[in-house]
Amino acid sequence: MSMKMEDEVKRWTAKRKSALVLDIIQGKTTVAEASRSHDLAPSEIENWLDDAKRGMENALRAKPEDIREQYERQLKDLQEAYGEAMLELRARKKLQSLLGEDEK
């Protein structure tokens, strides 16, 4: 990384995460290399990249949303997805009962 990391990082602060993400964006390292060298799951690093992209997009808006607005929008999206999943589950159970299939 461009910032020298201690041999063993005990806590991944926002500053350390952003340095690693920046190195990946700049092509100095890859997710796979960072995963191996820092003993992190690739999915965790990819989540940091996704968070960085969302933050960057928001920062570059003409009217950036504050953190609360971002979380409220994300919560609304998750609630909608949960509601849709519950409706689908109920519909499947109803269909099973109408078809006389045993629950698995």
PDB file of N, CA and C in Angstrom:
ATOM      1  N   MET A   1       0.836  -1.178   0.000  1.00  0.00           N
ATOM      2  CA  MET A   1       0.000   0.000   0.000  1.00  0.00           C
ATOM      3  C   MET A   1       0.877   1.235   0.000  1.00  0.00           C
ATOM      4  N   SER A   2       0.301   2.343  -0.445  1.00  0.00           N
ATOM      5  CA  SER A   2       1.083   3.559  -0.484  1.00  0.00           C
ATOM      6  C   SER A   2       1.438   4.001   0.933  1.00  0.00           C
ATOM      7  N   MET A   3       0.529   3.797   1.880  1.00  0.00           N
ATOM      8  CA  MET A   3       0.849   4.039   3.290  1.00  0.00           C
ATOM      9  C   MET A   3       1.427   2.733   3.822  1.00  0.00           C
ATOM     10  N   LYS A   4       2.531   2.814   4.524  1.00  0.00           N
ATOM     11  CA  LYS A   4       3.113   1.596   5.080  1.00  0.00           C
ATOM     12  C   LYS A   4       2.203   1.052   6.166  1.00  0.00           C
ATOM     13  N   MET A   5       1.803  -0.189   6.005  1.00  0.00           N
ATOM     14  CA  MET A   5       0.962  -0.840   7.004  1.00  0.00           C
ATOM     15  C   MET A   5       1.855  -1.567   7.994  1.00  0.00           C
ATOM     16  N   GLU A   6       1.397  -1.616   9.215  1.00  0.00           N
ATOM     17  CA  GLU A   6       2.109  -2.424  10.184  1.00  0.00           C
ATOM     18  C   GLU A   6       2.002  -3.879   9.735  1.00  0.00           C
ATOM     19  N   ASP A   7       2.913  -4.720  10.214  1.00  0.00           N
ATOM     20  CA  ASP A   7       2.882  -6.120   9.802  1.00  0.00           C
ATOM     21  C   ASP A   7       1.534  -6.758  10.104  1.00  0.00           C
ATOM     22  N   GLU A   8       0.947  -6.377  11.222  1.00  0.00           N
ATOM     23  CA  GLU A   8      -0.324  -6.970  11.606  1.00  0.00           C
ATOM     24  C   GLU A   8      -1.285  -5.849  11.980  1.00  0.00           C
ATOM     25  N   VAL A   9      -2.279  -5.608  11.136  1.00  0.00           N
ATOM     26  CA  VAL A   9      -3.261  -4.564  11.397  1.00  0.00           C
ATOM     27  C   VAL A   9      -4.278  -5.123  12.375  1.00  0.00           C
ATOM     28  N   LYS A  10      -4.372  -4.466  13.518  1.00  0.00           N
ATOM     29  CA  LYS A  10      -5.319  -4.939  14.529  1.00  0.00           C
ATOM     30  C   LYS A  10      -6.724  -4.390  14.270  1.00  0.00           C
ATOM     31  N   ARG A  11      -6.800  -3.189  13.703  1.00  0.00           N
ATOM     32  CA  ARG A  11      -8.102  -2.565  13.474  1.00  0.00           C
ATOM     33  C   ARG A  11      -8.066  -1.832  12.143  1.00  0.00           C
ATOM     34  N   TRP A  12      -9.037  -2.103  11.318  1.00  0.00           N
ATOM     35  CA  TRP A  12      -9.111  -1.439  10.021  1.00  0.00           C
ATOM     36  C   TRP A  12      -9.908  -0.155  10.165  1.00  0.00           C
ATOM     37  N   THR A  13      -9.210   0.946  10.389  1.00  0.00           N
ATOM     38  CA  THR A  13      -9.847   2.256  10.518  1.00  0.00           C
ATOM     39  C   THR A  13     -10.287   2.732   9.137  1.00  0.00           C
ATOM     40  N   ALA A  14     -11.110   3.758   9.125  1.00  0.00           N
ATOM     41  CA  ALA A  14     -11.560   4.325   7.852  1.00  0.00           C
ATOM     42  C   ALA A  14     -10.366   4.809   7.038  1.00  0.00           C
ATOM     43  N   LYS A  15      -9.359   5.350   7.698  1.00  0.00           N
ATOM     44  CA  LYS A  15      -8.174   5.846   7.001  1.00  0.00           C
ATOM     45  C   LYS A  15      -7.416   4.695   6.321  1.00  0.00           C
ATOM     46  N   ARG A  16      -7.270   3.581   7.017  1.00  0.00           N
ATOM     47  CA  ARG A  16      -6.584   2.420   6.432  1.00  0.00           C
ATOM     48  C   ARG A  16      -7.396   1.816   5.290  1.00  0.00           C
ATOM     49  N   LYS A  17      -8.723   1.707   5.508  1.00  0.00           N
ATOM     50  CA  LYS A  17      -9.577   1.168   4.455  1.00  0.00           C
ATOM     51  C   LYS A  17      -9.505   2.039   3.202  1.00  0.00           C
ATOM     52  N   SER A  18      -9.585   3.360   3.396  1.00  0.00           N
ATOM     53  CA  SER A  18      -9.574   4.258   2.242  1.00  0.00           C
ATOM     54  C   SER A  18      -8.236   4.198   1.510  1.00  0.00           C
ATOM     55  N   ALA A  19      -7.142   4.030   2.235  1.00  0.00           N
ATOM     56  CA  ALA A  19      -5.831   3.903   1.591  1.00  0.00           C
ATOM     57  C   ALA A  19      -5.769   2.645   0.736  1.00  0.00           C
ATOM     58  N   LEU A  20      -6.298   1.536   1.259  1.00  0.00           N
ATOM     59  CA  LEU A  20      -6.307   0.285   0.510  1.00  0.00           C
ATOM     60  C   LEU A  20      -7.213   0.396  -0.714  1.00  0.00           C
ATOM     61  N   VAL A  21      -8.399   0.969  -0.532  1.00  0.00           N
ATOM     62  CA  VAL A  21      -9.335   1.143  -1.644  1.00  0.00           C
ATOM     63  C   VAL A  21      -8.711   2.022  -2.724  1.00  0.00           C
ATOM     64  N   LEU A  22      -8.052   3.088  -2.318  1.00  0.00           N
ATOM     65  CA  LEU A  22      -7.409   3.981  -3.270  1.00  0.00           C
ATOM     66  C   LEU A  22      -6.317   3.261  -4.055  1.00  0.00           C
ATOM     67  N   ASP A  23      -5.545   2.418  -3.377  1.00  0.00           N
ATOM     68  CA  ASP A  23      -4.518   1.637  -4.064  1.00  0.00           C
ATOM     69  C   ASP A  23      -5.143   0.708  -5.110  1.00  0.00           C
ATOM     70  N   ILE A  24      -6.280   0.131  -4.790  1.00  0.00           N
ATOM     71  CA  ILE A  24      -6.961  -0.757  -5.747  1.00  0.00           C
ATOM     72  C   ILE A  24      -7.478   0.050  -6.932  1.00  0.00           C
ATOM     73  N   ILE A  25      -8.093   1.200  -6.655  1.00  0.00           N
ATOM     74  CA  ILE A  25      -8.620   2.047  -7.727  1.00  0.00           C
ATOM     75  C   ILE A  25      -7.489   2.529  -8.638  1.00  0.00           C
ATOM     76  N   GLN A  26      -6.349   2.850  -8.058  1.00  0.00           N
ATOM     77  CA  GLN A  26      -5.208   3.348  -8.836  1.00  0.00           C
ATOM     78  C   GLN A  26      -4.435   2.233  -9.539  1.00  0.00           C
ATOM     79  N   GLY A  27      -4.823   0.994  -9.296  1.00  0.00           N
ATOM     80  CA  GLY A  27      -4.184  -0.126  -9.960  1.00  0.00           C
ATOM     81  C   GLY A  27      -2.869  -0.564  -9.334  1.00  0.00           C
ATOM     82  N   LYS A  28      -2.594  -0.096  -8.122  1.00  0.00           N
ATOM     83  CA  LYS A  28      -1.354  -0.471  -7.437  1.00  0.00           C
ATOM     84  C   LYS A  28      -1.436  -1.887  -6.873  1.00  0.00           C
ATOM     85  N   THR A  29      -2.645  -2.356  -6.656  1.00  0.00           N
ATOM     86  CA  THR A  29      -2.877  -3.715  -6.166  1.00  0.00           C
ATOM     87  C   THR A  29      -4.247  -4.166  -6.647  1.00  0.00           C
ATOM     88  N   THR A  30      -4.554  -5.416  -6.432  1.00  0.00           N
ATOM     89  CA  THR A  30      -5.864  -5.954  -6.799  1.00  0.00           C
ATOM     90  C   THR A  30      -6.565  -6.426  -5.531  1.00  0.00           C
ATOM     91  N   VAL A  31      -7.841  -6.706  -5.663  1.00  0.00           N
ATOM     92  CA  VAL A  31      -8.599  -7.233  -4.528  1.00  0.00           C
ATOM     93  C   VAL A  31      -7.990  -8.551  -4.066  1.00  0.00           C
ATOM     94  N   ALA A  32      -7.629  -9.402  -5.018  1.00  0.00           N
ATOM     95  CA  ALA A  32      -7.054 -10.714  -4.670  1.00  0.00           C
ATOM     96  C   ALA A  32      -5.724 -10.560  -3.931  1.00  0.00           C
ATOM     97  N   GLU A  33      -4.870  -9.663  -4.427  1.00  0.00           N
ATOM     98  CA  GLU A  33      -3.577  -9.446  -3.766  1.00  0.00           C
ATOM     99  C   GLU A  33      -3.765  -8.874  -2.365  1.00  0.00           C
ATOM    100  N   ALA A  34      -4.639  -7.896  -2.243  1.00  0.00           N
ATOM    101  CA  ALA A  34      -4.894  -7.272  -0.939  1.00  0.00           C
ATOM    102  C   ALA A  34      -5.488  -8.290   0.026  1.00  0.00           C
ATOM    103  N   SER A  35      -6.367  -9.136  -0.484  1.00  0.00           N
ATOM    104  CA  SER A  35      -6.983 -10.168   0.336  1.00  0.00           C
ATOM    105  C   SER A  35      -5.936 -11.102   0.915  1.00  0.00           C
ATOM    106  N   ARG A  36      -5.029 -11.547   0.050  1.00  0.00           N
ATOM    107  CA  ARG A  36      -3.968 -12.453   0.508  1.00  0.00           C
ATOM    108  C   ARG A  36      -3.002 -11.763   1.468  1.00  0.00           C
ATOM    109  N   SER A  37      -2.543 -10.565   1.116  1.00  0.00           N
ATOM    110  CA  SER A  37      -1.504  -9.922   1.923  1.00  0.00           C
ATOM    111  C   SER A  37      -2.007  -9.432   3.275  1.00  0.00           C
ATOM    112  N   HIS A  38      -3.305  -9.151   3.384  1.00  0.00           N
ATOM    113  CA  HIS A  38      -3.846  -8.637   4.648  1.00  0.00           C
ATOM    114  C   HIS A  38      -4.768  -9.627   5.343  1.00  0.00           C
ATOM    115  N   ASP A  39      -4.866 -10.841   4.798  1.00  0.00           N
ATOM    116  CA  ASP A  39      -5.697 -11.894   5.374  1.00  0.00           C
ATOM    117  C   ASP A  39      -7.136 -11.421   5.582  1.00  0.00           C
ATOM    118  N   LEU A  40      -7.706 -10.865   4.497  1.00  0.00           N
ATOM    119  CA  LEU A  40      -9.090 -10.390   4.513  1.00  0.00           C
ATOM    120  C   LEU A  40      -9.884 -11.155   3.462  1.00  0.00           C
ATOM    121  N   ALA A  41     -11.163 -11.280   3.688  1.00  0.00           N
ATOM    122  CA  ALA A  41     -12.032 -11.911   2.692  1.00  0.00           C
ATOM    123  C   ALA A  41     -12.192 -10.957   1.507  1.00  0.00           C
ATOM    124  N   PRO A  42     -12.095 -11.474   0.277  1.00  0.00           N
ATOM    125  CA  PRO A  42     -12.288 -10.604  -0.892  1.00  0.00           C
ATOM    126  C   PRO A  42     -13.635  -9.870  -0.850  1.00  0.00           C
ATOM    127  N   SER A  43     -14.662 -10.539  -0.338  1.00  0.00           N
ATOM    128  CA  SER A  43     -15.986  -9.899  -0.276  1.00  0.00           C
ATOM    129  C   SER A  43     -15.971  -8.677   0.640  1.00  0.00           C
ATOM    130  N   GLU A  44     -15.171  -8.735   1.710  1.00  0.00           N
ATOM    131  CA  GLU A  44     -15.081  -7.590   2.616  1.00  0.00           C
ATOM    132  C   GLU A  44     -14.449  -6.392   1.903  1.00  0.00           C
ATOM    133  N   ILE A  45     -13.388  -6.644   1.158  1.00  0.00           N
ATOM    134  CA  ILE A  45     -12.726  -5.566   0.419  1.00  0.00           C
ATOM    135  C   ILE A  45     -13.656  -5.032  -0.665  1.00  0.00           C
ATOM    136  N   GLU A  46     -14.381  -5.927  -1.340  1.00  0.00           N
ATOM    137  CA  GLU A  46     -15.329  -5.487  -2.365  1.00  0.00           C
ATOM    138  C   GLU A  46     -16.439  -4.631  -1.763  1.00  0.00           C
ATOM    139  N   ASN A  47     -16.869  -4.955  -0.541  1.00  0.00           N
ATOM    140  CA  ASN A  47     -17.863  -4.123   0.144  1.00  0.00           C
ATOM    141  C   ASN A  47     -17.305  -2.730   0.403  1.00  0.00           C
ATOM    142  N   TRP A  48     -16.019  -2.657   0.800  1.00  0.00           N
ATOM    143  CA  TRP A  48     -15.385  -1.349   1.014  1.00  0.00           C
ATOM    144  C   TRP A  48     -15.340  -0.556  -0.291  1.00  0.00           C
ATOM    145  N   LEU A  49     -15.052  -1.246  -1.389  1.00  0.00           N
ATOM    146  CA  LEU A  49     -15.041  -0.577  -2.694  1.00  0.00           C
ATOM    147  C   LEU A  49     -16.426  -0.045  -3.049  1.00  0.00           C
ATOM    148  N   ASP A  50     -17.461  -0.859  -2.811  1.00  0.00           N
ATOM    149  CA  ASP A  50     -18.837  -0.421  -3.085  1.00  0.00           C
ATOM    150  C   ASP A  50     -19.202   0.785  -2.236  1.00  0.00           C
ATOM    151  N   ASP A  51     -18.831   0.748  -0.948  1.00  0.00           N
ATOM    152  CA  ASP A  51     -19.117   1.874  -0.063  1.00  0.00           C
ATOM    153  C   ASP A  51     -18.405   3.139  -0.546  1.00  0.00           C
ATOM    154  N   ALA A  52     -17.153   2.976  -0.978  1.00  0.00           N
ATOM    155  CA  ALA A  52     -16.373   4.113  -1.466  1.00  0.00           C
ATOM    156  C   ALA A  52     -17.012   4.710  -2.721  1.00  0.00           C
ATOM    157  N   LYS A  53     -17.484   3.844  -3.609  1.00  0.00           N
ATOM    158  CA  LYS A  53     -18.123   4.334  -4.836  1.00  0.00           C
ATOM    159  C   LYS A  53     -19.396   5.109  -4.524  1.00  0.00           C
ATOM    160  N   ARG A  54     -20.194   4.578  -3.581  1.00  0.00           N
ATOM    161  CA  ARG A  54     -21.427   5.284  -3.196  1.00  0.00           C
ATOM    162  C   ARG A  54     -21.097   6.630  -2.568  1.00  0.00           C
ATOM    163  N   GLY A  55     -20.091   6.639  -1.708  1.00  0.00           N
ATOM    164  CA  GLY A  55     -19.700   7.890  -1.057  1.00  0.00           C
ATOM    165  C   GLY A  55     -19.168   8.901  -2.046  1.00  0.00           C
ATOM    166  N   MET A  56     -18.396   8.428  -3.009  1.00  0.00           N
ATOM    167  CA  MET A  56     -17.836   9.312  -4.017  1.00  0.00           C
ATOM    168  C   MET A  56     -18.952   9.887  -4.891  1.00  0.00           C
ATOM    169  N   GLU A  57     -19.880   9.036  -5.286  1.00  0.00           N
ATOM    170  CA  GLU A  57     -21.008   9.493  -6.113  1.00  0.00           C
ATOM    171  C   GLU A  57     -21.801  10.558  -5.373  1.00  0.00           C
ATOM    172  N   ASN A  58     -22.055  10.315  -4.103  1.00  0.00           N
ATOM    173  CA  ASN A  58     -22.815  11.279  -3.312  1.00  0.00           C
ATOM    174  C   ASN A  58     -22.045  12.590  -3.161  1.00  0.00           C
ATOM    175  N   ALA A  59     -20.753  12.506  -2.917  1.00  0.00           N
ATOM    176  CA  ALA A  59     -19.943  13.710  -2.717  1.00  0.00           C
ATOM    177  C   ALA A  59     -19.900  14.576  -3.967  1.00  0.00           C
ATOM    178  N   LEU A  60     -20.020  13.970  -5.137  1.00  0.00           N
ATOM    179  CA  LEU A  60     -19.936  14.714  -6.388  1.00  0.00           C
ATOM    180  C   LEU A  60     -21.283  15.231  -6.883  1.00  0.00           C
ATOM    181  N   ARG A  61     -22.342  14.967  -6.158  1.00  0.00           N
ATOM    182  CA  ARG A  61     -23.667  15.474  -6.539  1.00  0.00           C
ATOM    183  C   ARG A  61     -23.737  16.976  -6.296  1.00  0.00           C
ATOM    184  N   ALA A  62     -24.629  17.624  -7.032  1.00  0.00           N
ATOM    185  CA  ALA A  62     -24.839  19.053  -6.828  1.00  0.00           C
ATOM    186  C   ALA A  62     -25.394  19.313  -5.429  1.00  0.00           C
ATOM    187  N   LYS A  63     -26.285  18.423  -4.973  1.00  0.00           N
ATOM    188  CA  LYS A  63     -26.840  18.511  -3.621  1.00  0.00           C
ATOM    189  C   LYS A  63     -26.621  17.172  -2.937  1.00  0.00           C
ATOM    190  N   PRO A  64     -25.465  16.990  -2.297  1.00  0.00           N
ATOM    191  CA  PRO A  64     -25.202  15.697  -1.645  1.00  0.00           C
ATOM    192  C   PRO A  64     -26.206  15.406  -0.536  1.00  0.00           C
ATOM    193  N   GLU A  65     -26.551  14.120  -0.407  1.00  0.00           N
ATOM    194  CA  GLU A  65     -27.423  13.695   0.682  1.00  0.00           C
ATOM    195  C   GLU A  65     -26.589  13.588   1.944  1.00  0.00           C
ATOM    196  N   ASP A  66     -27.218  13.874   3.072  1.00  0.00           N
ATOM    197  CA  ASP A  66     -26.475  13.634   4.303  1.00  0.00           C
ATOM    198  C   ASP A  66     -26.593  12.153   4.652  1.00  0.00           C
ATOM    199  N   ILE A  67     -25.827  11.730   5.605  1.00  0.00           N
ATOM    200  CA  ILE A  67     -25.775  10.316   5.977  1.00  0.00           C
ATOM    201  C   ILE A  67     -27.155   9.797   6.354  1.00  0.00           C
ATOM    202  N   ARG A  68     -27.913  10.596   7.086  1.00  0.00           N
ATOM    203  CA  ARG A  68     -29.238  10.158   7.512  1.00  0.00           C
ATOM    204  C   ARG A  68     -30.135   9.864   6.315  1.00  0.00           C
ATOM    205  N   GLU A  69     -30.109  10.758   5.310  1.00  0.00           N
ATOM    206  CA  GLU A  69     -30.919  10.536   4.110  1.00  0.00           C
ATOM    207  C   GLU A  69     -30.494   9.266   3.390  1.00  0.00           C
ATOM    208  N   GLN A  70     -29.184   9.013   3.337  1.00  0.00           N
ATOM    209  CA  GLN A  70     -28.689   7.807   2.681  1.00  0.00           C
ATOM    210  C   GLN A  70     -29.198   6.561   3.394  1.00  0.00           C
ATOM    211  N   TYR A  71     -29.096   6.552   4.726  1.00  0.00           N
ATOM    212  CA  TYR A  71     -29.542   5.381   5.488  1.00  0.00           C
ATOM    213  C   TYR A  71     -31.049   5.200   5.400  1.00  0.00           C
ATOM    214  N   GLU A  72     -31.799   6.295   5.415  1.00  0.00           N
ATOM    215  CA  GLU A  72     -33.254   6.188   5.306  1.00  0.00           C
ATOM    216  C   GLU A  72     -33.656   5.618   3.948  1.00  0.00           C
ATOM    217  N   ARG A  73     -32.966   6.052   2.884  1.00  0.00           N
ATOM    218  CA  ARG A  73     -33.258   5.522   1.549  1.00  0.00           C
ATOM    219  C   ARG A  73     -32.890   4.045   1.480  1.00  0.00           C
ATOM    220  N   GLN A  74     -31.747   3.686   2.050  1.00  0.00           N
ATOM    221  CA  GLN A  74     -31.322   2.290   2.043  1.00  0.00           C
ATOM    222  C   GLN A  74     -32.289   1.430   2.858  1.00  0.00           C
ATOM    223  N   LEU A  75     -32.743   1.933   4.002  1.00  0.00           N
ATOM    224  CA  LEU A  75     -33.702   1.200   4.829  1.00  0.00           C
ATOM    225  C   LEU A  75     -35.010   0.998   4.078  1.00  0.00           C
ATOM    226  N   LYS A  76     -35.476   2.018   3.383  1.00  0.00           N
ATOM    227  CA  LYS A  76     -36.716   1.912   2.611  1.00  0.00           C
ATOM    228  C   LYS A  76     -36.572   0.841   1.525  1.00  0.00           C
ATOM    229  N   ASP A  77     -35.435   0.842   0.833  1.00  0.00           N
ATOM    230  CA  ASP A  77     -35.205  -0.164  -0.208  1.00  0.00           C
ATOM    231  C   ASP A  77     -35.200  -1.578   0.377  1.00  0.00           C
ATOM    232  N   LEU A  78     -34.549  -1.743   1.540  1.00  0.00           N
ATOM    233  CA  LEU A  78     -34.502  -3.056   2.180  1.00  0.00           C
ATOM    234  C   LEU A  78     -35.874  -3.500   2.663  1.00  0.00           C
ATOM    235  N   GLN A  79     -36.662  -2.571   3.192  1.00  0.00           N
ATOM    236  CA  GLN A  79     -38.008  -2.907   3.640  1.00  0.00           C
ATOM    237  C   GLN A  79     -38.878  -3.344   2.466  1.00  0.00           C
ATOM    238  N   GLU A  80     -38.731  -2.669   1.327  1.00  0.00           N
ATOM    239  CA  GLU A  80     -39.495  -3.055   0.145  1.00  0.00           C
ATOM    240  C   GLU A  80     -39.101  -4.448  -0.325  1.00  0.00           C
ATOM    241  N   ALA A  81     -37.796  -4.727  -0.340  1.00  0.00           N
ATOM    242  CA  ALA A  81     -37.323  -6.045  -0.758  1.00  0.00           C
ATOM    243  C   ALA A  81     -37.820  -7.122   0.194  1.00  0.00           C
ATOM    244  N   TYR A  82     -37.804  -6.840   1.495  1.00  0.00           N
ATOM    245  CA  TYR A  82     -38.309  -7.795   2.489  1.00  0.00           C
ATOM    246  C   TYR A  82     -39.792  -8.056   2.265  1.00  0.00           C
ATOM    247  N   GLY A  83     -40.560  -6.999   2.032  1.00  0.00           N
ATOM    248  CA  GLY A  83     -41.994  -7.145   1.795  1.00  0.00           C
ATOM    249  C   GLY A  83     -42.279  -8.012   0.571  1.00  0.00           C
ATOM    250  N   GLU A  84     -41.517  -7.778  -0.492  1.00  0.00           N
ATOM    251  CA  GLU A  84     -41.692  -8.581  -1.705  1.00  0.00           C
ATOM    252  C   GLU A  84     -41.348 -10.048  -1.446  1.00  0.00           C
ATOM    253  N   ALA A  85     -40.290 -10.292  -0.697  1.00  0.00           N
ATOM    254  CA  ALA A  85     -39.891 -11.667  -0.390  1.00  0.00           C
ATOM    255  C   ALA A  85     -40.963 -12.362   0.447  1.00  0.00           C
ATOM    256  N   MET A  86     -41.542 -11.644   1.409  1.00  0.00           N
ATOM    257  CA  MET A  86     -42.590 -12.239   2.240  1.00  0.00           C
ATOM    258  C   MET A  86     -43.833 -12.553   1.412  1.00  0.00           C
ATOM    259  N   LEU A  87     -44.191 -11.663   0.488  1.00  0.00           N
ATOM    260  CA  LEU A  87     -45.339 -11.932  -0.378  1.00  0.00           C
ATOM    261  C   LEU A  87     -45.098 -13.173  -1.234  1.00  0.00           C
ATOM    262  N   GLU A  88     -43.892 -13.288  -1.772  1.00  0.00           N
ATOM    263  CA  GLU A  88     -43.567 -14.449  -2.590  1.00  0.00           C
ATOM    264  C   GLU A  88     -43.617 -15.721  -1.757  1.00  0.00           C
ATOM    265  N   LEU A  89     -43.098 -15.682  -0.548  1.00  0.00           N
ATOM    266  CA  LEU A  89     -43.117 -16.848   0.334  1.00  0.00           C
ATOM    267  C   LEU A  89     -44.548 -17.273   0.646  1.00  0.00           C
ATOM    268  N   ARG A  90     -45.392 -16.304   0.962  1.00  0.00           N
ATOM    269  CA  ARG A  90     -46.790 -16.621   1.265  1.00  0.00           C
ATOM    270  C   ARG A  90     -47.497 -17.206   0.048  1.00  0.00           C
ATOM    271  N   ALA A  91     -47.196 -16.648  -1.131  1.00  0.00           N
ATOM    272  CA  ALA A  91     -47.818 -17.152  -2.357  1.00  0.00           C
ATOM    273  C   ALA A  91     -47.389 -18.591  -2.620  1.00  0.00           C
ATOM    274  N   ARG A  92     -46.120 -18.895  -2.393  1.00  0.00           N
ATOM    275  CA  ARG A  92     -45.632 -20.260  -2.598  1.00  0.00           C
ATOM    276  C   ARG A  92     -46.296 -21.232  -1.628  1.00  0.00           C
ATOM    277  N   LYS A  93     -46.441 -20.819  -0.367  1.00  0.00           N
ATOM    278  CA  LYS A  93     -47.093 -21.687   0.624  1.00  0.00           C
ATOM    279  C   LYS A  93     -48.549 -21.920   0.253  1.00  0.00           C
ATOM    280  N   LYS A  94     -49.222 -20.877  -0.207  1.00  0.00           N
ATOM    281  CA  LYS A  94     -50.621 -20.994  -0.611  1.00  0.00           C
ATOM    282  C   LYS A  94     -50.746 -21.941  -1.801  1.00  0.00           C
ATOM    283  N   LEU A  95     -49.837 -21.803  -2.764  1.00  0.00           N
ATOM    284  CA  LEU A  95     -49.849 -22.671  -3.930  1.00  0.00           C
ATOM    285  C   LEU A  95     -49.610 -24.124  -3.528  1.00  0.00           C
ATOM    286  N   GLN A  96     -48.669 -24.330  -2.614  1.00  0.00           N
ATOM    287  CA  GLN A  96     -48.400 -25.709  -2.131  1.00  0.00           C
ATOM    288  C   GLN A  96     -49.624 -26.300  -1.475  1.00  0.00           C
ATOM    289  N   SER A  97     -50.317 -25.495  -0.669  1.00  0.00           N
ATOM    290  CA  SER A  97     -51.495 -26.025   0.012  1.00  0.00           C
ATOM    291  C   SER A  97     -52.616 -26.325  -0.984  1.00  0.00           C
ATOM    292  N   LEU A  98     -52.754 -25.488  -2.021  1.00  0.00           N
ATOM    293  CA  LEU A  98     -53.776 -25.721  -3.036  1.00  0.00           C
ATOM    294  C   LEU A  98     -53.470 -26.960  -3.879  1.00  0.00           C
ATOM    295  N   LEU A  99     -52.186 -27.207  -4.103  1.00  0.00           N
ATOM    296  CA  LEU A  99     -51.793 -28.367  -4.886  1.00  0.00           C
ATOM    297  C   LEU A  99     -51.705 -29.639  -4.031  1.00  0.00           C
ATOM    298  N   GLY A 100     -51.869 -29.471  -2.730  1.00  0.00           N
ATOM    299  CA  GLY A 100     -51.866 -30.615  -1.835  1.00  0.00           C
ATOM    300  C   GLY A 100     -50.473 -31.173  -1.573  1.00  0.00           C
ATOM    301  N   GLU A 101     -49.449 -30.353  -1.795  1.00  0.00           N
ATOM    302  CA  GLU A 101     -48.086 -30.814  -1.547  1.00  0.00           C
ATOM    303  C   GLU A 101     -47.757 -30.626  -0.077  1.00  0.00           C
ATOM    304  N   ASP A 102     -46.960 -31.557   0.438  1.00  0.00           N
ATOM    305  CA  ASP A 102     -46.508 -31.443   1.824  1.00  0.00           C
ATOM    306  C   ASP A 102     -45.416 -30.384   1.875  1.00  0.00           C
ATOM    307  N   GLU A 103     -45.354 -29.701   3.018  1.00  0.00           N
ATOM    308  CA  GLU A 103     -44.264 -28.726   3.206  1.00  0.00           C
ATOM    309  C   GLU A 103     -42.969 -29.478   3.372  1.00  0.00           C
ATOM    310  N   LYS A 104     -41.926 -28.906   2.837  1.00  0.00           N
ATOM    311  CA  LYS A 104     -40.618 -29.561   2.914  1.00  0.00           C
ATOM    312  C   LYS A 104     -39.793 -28.977   3.998  1.00  0.00           C
TER     313      LYS A 104
END
